[in-house]
Amino acid sequence: MDDSHNGWNSQLINQLFFPKEAQQILQIPITDRSQQDNLTWDGTLDGNYSVKSGYQAIMEWGDISDVNTANSSNTCEEIWKMIWKQCST
């Protein structure tokens, strides 16, 4: 981003990416930066994340079939990966 004119720093984008990708990036519109970003969680009606809603989402996605497996440390690691993946999007 180039804050001086609220747009892409096209020179930097062209240096970092191949021409095709750079052109695609430069075509992405930039939103009005006067509004504050807002993080919400789709797993609850109010948009606030909770451990319970995260657990329910993981169970619904079916990526972890049985939380009560013998290898609980591996299961916990998989749960954390999924939670962090959802929080980062």
C-alpha atoms as a PDB file:
ATOM      1  CA  MET A   1       0.000   0.000   0.000  1.00  0.00           C
ATOM      2  CA  ASP A   2       1.044   3.527  -0.695  1.00  0.00           C
ATOM      3  CA  ASP A   3      -0.550   5.667   2.014  1.00  0.00           C
ATOM      4  CA  SER A   4       0.270   8.916   0.222  1.00  0.00           C
ATOM      5  CA  HIS A   5      -2.504   8.302  -2.303  1.00  0.00           C
ATOM      6  CA  ASN A   6      -4.417   5.425  -0.682  1.00  0.00           C
ATOM      7  CA  GLY A   7      -3.515   2.936  -3.382  1.00  0.00           C
ATOM      8  CA  TRP A   8      -1.161   0.141  -4.296  1.00  0.00           C
ATOM      9  CA  ASN A   9       2.573   0.731  -4.378  1.00  0.00           C
ATOM     10  CA  SER A  10       2.754  -0.438  -7.984  1.00  0.00           C
ATOM     11  CA  GLN A  11       6.536  -0.178  -8.194  1.00  0.00           C
ATOM     12  CA  LEU A  12       6.948  -2.526  -5.219  1.00  0.00           C
ATOM     13  CA  ILE A  13       4.241  -4.921  -6.458  1.00  0.00           C
ATOM     14  CA  ASN A  14       5.954  -5.137  -9.852  1.00  0.00           C
ATOM     15  CA  GLN A  15       9.292  -5.859  -8.169  1.00  0.00           C
ATOM     16  CA  LEU A  16       7.932  -8.621  -5.947  1.00  0.00           C
ATOM     17  CA  PHE A  17       5.656 -10.513  -8.351  1.00  0.00           C
ATOM     18  CA  PHE A  18       5.651 -11.887 -11.868  1.00  0.00           C
ATOM     19  CA  PRO A  19       3.888  -9.560 -14.358  1.00  0.00           C
ATOM     20  CA  LYS A  20       0.659 -11.581 -14.521  1.00  0.00           C
ATOM     21  CA  GLU A  21       0.289 -11.768 -10.722  1.00  0.00           C
ATOM     22  CA  ALA A  22       1.308  -8.122 -10.291  1.00  0.00           C
ATOM     23  CA  GLN A  23      -1.394  -7.028 -12.742  1.00  0.00           C
ATOM     24  CA  GLN A  24      -4.005  -9.099 -10.900  1.00  0.00           C
ATOM     25  CA  ILE A  25      -2.984  -7.616  -7.553  1.00  0.00           C
ATOM     26  CA  LEU A  26      -3.044  -4.073  -8.907  1.00  0.00           C
ATOM     27  CA  GLN A  27      -6.601  -4.636 -10.166  1.00  0.00           C
ATOM     28  CA  ILE A  28      -7.873  -5.447  -6.673  1.00  0.00           C
ATOM     29  CA  PRO A  29      -9.825  -2.412  -5.469  1.00  0.00           C
ATOM     30  CA  ILE A  30      -8.764  -0.838  -2.213  1.00  0.00           C
ATOM     31  CA  THR A  31     -11.493  -0.148   0.295  1.00  0.00           C
ATOM     32  CA  ASP A  32     -12.125   3.061   2.168  1.00  0.00           C
ATOM     33  CA  ARG A  33      -9.525   3.018   4.932  1.00  0.00           C
ATOM     34  CA  SER A  34     -11.443   5.464   7.088  1.00  0.00           C
ATOM     35  CA  GLN A  35     -13.522   2.594   8.448  1.00  0.00           C
ATOM     36  CA  GLN A  36     -12.174   0.416  11.245  1.00  0.00           C
ATOM     37  CA  ASP A  37     -11.694  -3.288  10.476  1.00  0.00           C
ATOM     38  CA  ASN A  38     -14.029  -5.593  12.345  1.00  0.00           C
ATOM     39  CA  LEU A  39     -13.286  -9.234  13.197  1.00  0.00           C
ATOM     40  CA  THR A  40     -16.261 -11.561  13.438  1.00  0.00           C
ATOM     41  CA  TRP A  41     -16.709 -15.299  13.890  1.00  0.00           C
ATOM     42  CA  ASP A  42     -19.291 -17.051  11.716  1.00  0.00           C
ATOM     43  CA  GLY A  43     -19.721 -19.808  14.289  1.00  0.00           C
ATOM     44  CA  THR A  44     -21.957 -17.723  16.579  1.00  0.00           C
ATOM     45  CA  LEU A  45     -24.946 -15.451  16.087  1.00  0.00           C
ATOM     46  CA  ASP A  46     -23.267 -12.501  17.803  1.00  0.00           C
ATOM     47  CA  GLY A  47     -19.983 -12.918  15.888  1.00  0.00           C
ATOM     48  CA  ASN A  48     -17.878 -13.491  19.010  1.00  0.00           C
ATOM     49  CA  TYR A  49     -15.567 -16.503  19.150  1.00  0.00           C
ATOM     50  CA  SER A  50     -15.735 -18.946  22.038  1.00  0.00           C
ATOM     51  CA  VAL A  51     -13.946 -22.224  22.662  1.00  0.00           C
ATOM     52  CA  LYS A  52     -17.321 -23.959  22.592  1.00  0.00           C
ATOM     53  CA  SER A  53     -18.200 -22.517  19.174  1.00  0.00           C
ATOM     54  CA  GLY A  54     -14.731 -23.402  17.861  1.00  0.00           C
ATOM     55  CA  TYR A  55     -15.114 -26.978  19.056  1.00  0.00           C
ATOM     56  CA  GLN A  56     -18.596 -27.210  17.536  1.00  0.00           C
ATOM     57  CA  ALA A  57     -17.300 -25.883  14.218  1.00  0.00           C
ATOM     58  CA  ILE A  58     -14.481 -28.430  14.131  1.00  0.00           C
ATOM     59  CA  MET A  59     -16.910 -31.259  14.832  1.00  0.00           C
ATOM     60  CA  GLU A  60     -19.260 -30.010  12.071  1.00  0.00           C
ATOM     61  CA  TRP A  61     -16.438 -29.732   9.538  1.00  0.00           C
ATOM     62  CA  GLY A  62     -15.601 -33.372  10.173  1.00  0.00           C
ATOM     63  CA  ASP A  63     -11.849 -32.889   9.843  1.00  0.00           C
ATOM     64  CA  ILE A  64     -11.324 -34.509  13.226  1.00  0.00           C
ATOM     65  CA  SER A  65     -13.442 -37.617  13.459  1.00  0.00           C
ATOM     66  CA  ASP A  66     -12.765 -38.572  17.069  1.00  0.00           C
ATOM     67  CA  VAL A  67     -11.431 -36.207  19.705  1.00  0.00           C
ATOM     68  CA  ASN A  68     -11.121 -39.078  22.202  1.00  0.00           C
ATOM     69  CA  THR A  69      -8.345 -40.877  20.322  1.00  0.00           C
ATOM     70  CA  ALA A  70      -5.370 -42.501  22.025  1.00  0.00           C
ATOM     71  CA  ASN A  71      -3.013 -39.904  20.554  1.00  0.00           C
ATOM     72  CA  SER A  72      -4.536 -36.889  22.280  1.00  0.00           C
ATOM     73  CA  SER A  73      -1.496 -34.628  21.774  1.00  0.00           C
ATOM     74  CA  ASN A  74      -1.772 -35.066  18.002  1.00  0.00           C
ATOM     75  CA  THR A  75      -5.510 -34.401  18.197  1.00  0.00           C
ATOM     76  CA  CYS A  76      -4.948 -31.236  20.217  1.00  0.00           C
ATOM     77  CA  GLU A  77      -2.381 -30.069  17.692  1.00  0.00           C
ATOM     78  CA  GLU A  78      -4.859 -30.601  14.852  1.00  0.00           C
ATOM     79  CA  ILE A  79      -7.558 -28.710  16.751  1.00  0.00           C
ATOM     80  CA  TRP A  80      -5.243 -25.753  17.353  1.00  0.00           C
ATOM     81  CA  LYS A  81      -4.209 -25.696  13.698  1.00  0.00           C
ATOM     82  CA  MET A  82      -7.840 -25.513  12.640  1.00  0.00           C
ATOM     83  CA  ILE A  83      -8.689 -22.815  15.184  1.00  0.00           C
ATOM     84  CA  TRP A  84      -5.730 -20.656  14.155  1.00  0.00           C
ATOM     85  CA  LYS A  85      -6.558 -21.194  10.492  1.00  0.00           C
ATOM     86  CA  GLN A  86     -10.095 -19.927  11.080  1.00  0.00           C
ATOM     87  CA  CYS A  87      -8.926 -16.989  13.183  1.00  0.00           C
ATOM     88  CA  SER A  88      -6.473 -15.870  10.532  1.00  0.00           C
ATOM     89  CA  THR A  89      -9.052 -15.688   7.761  1.00  0.00           C
END
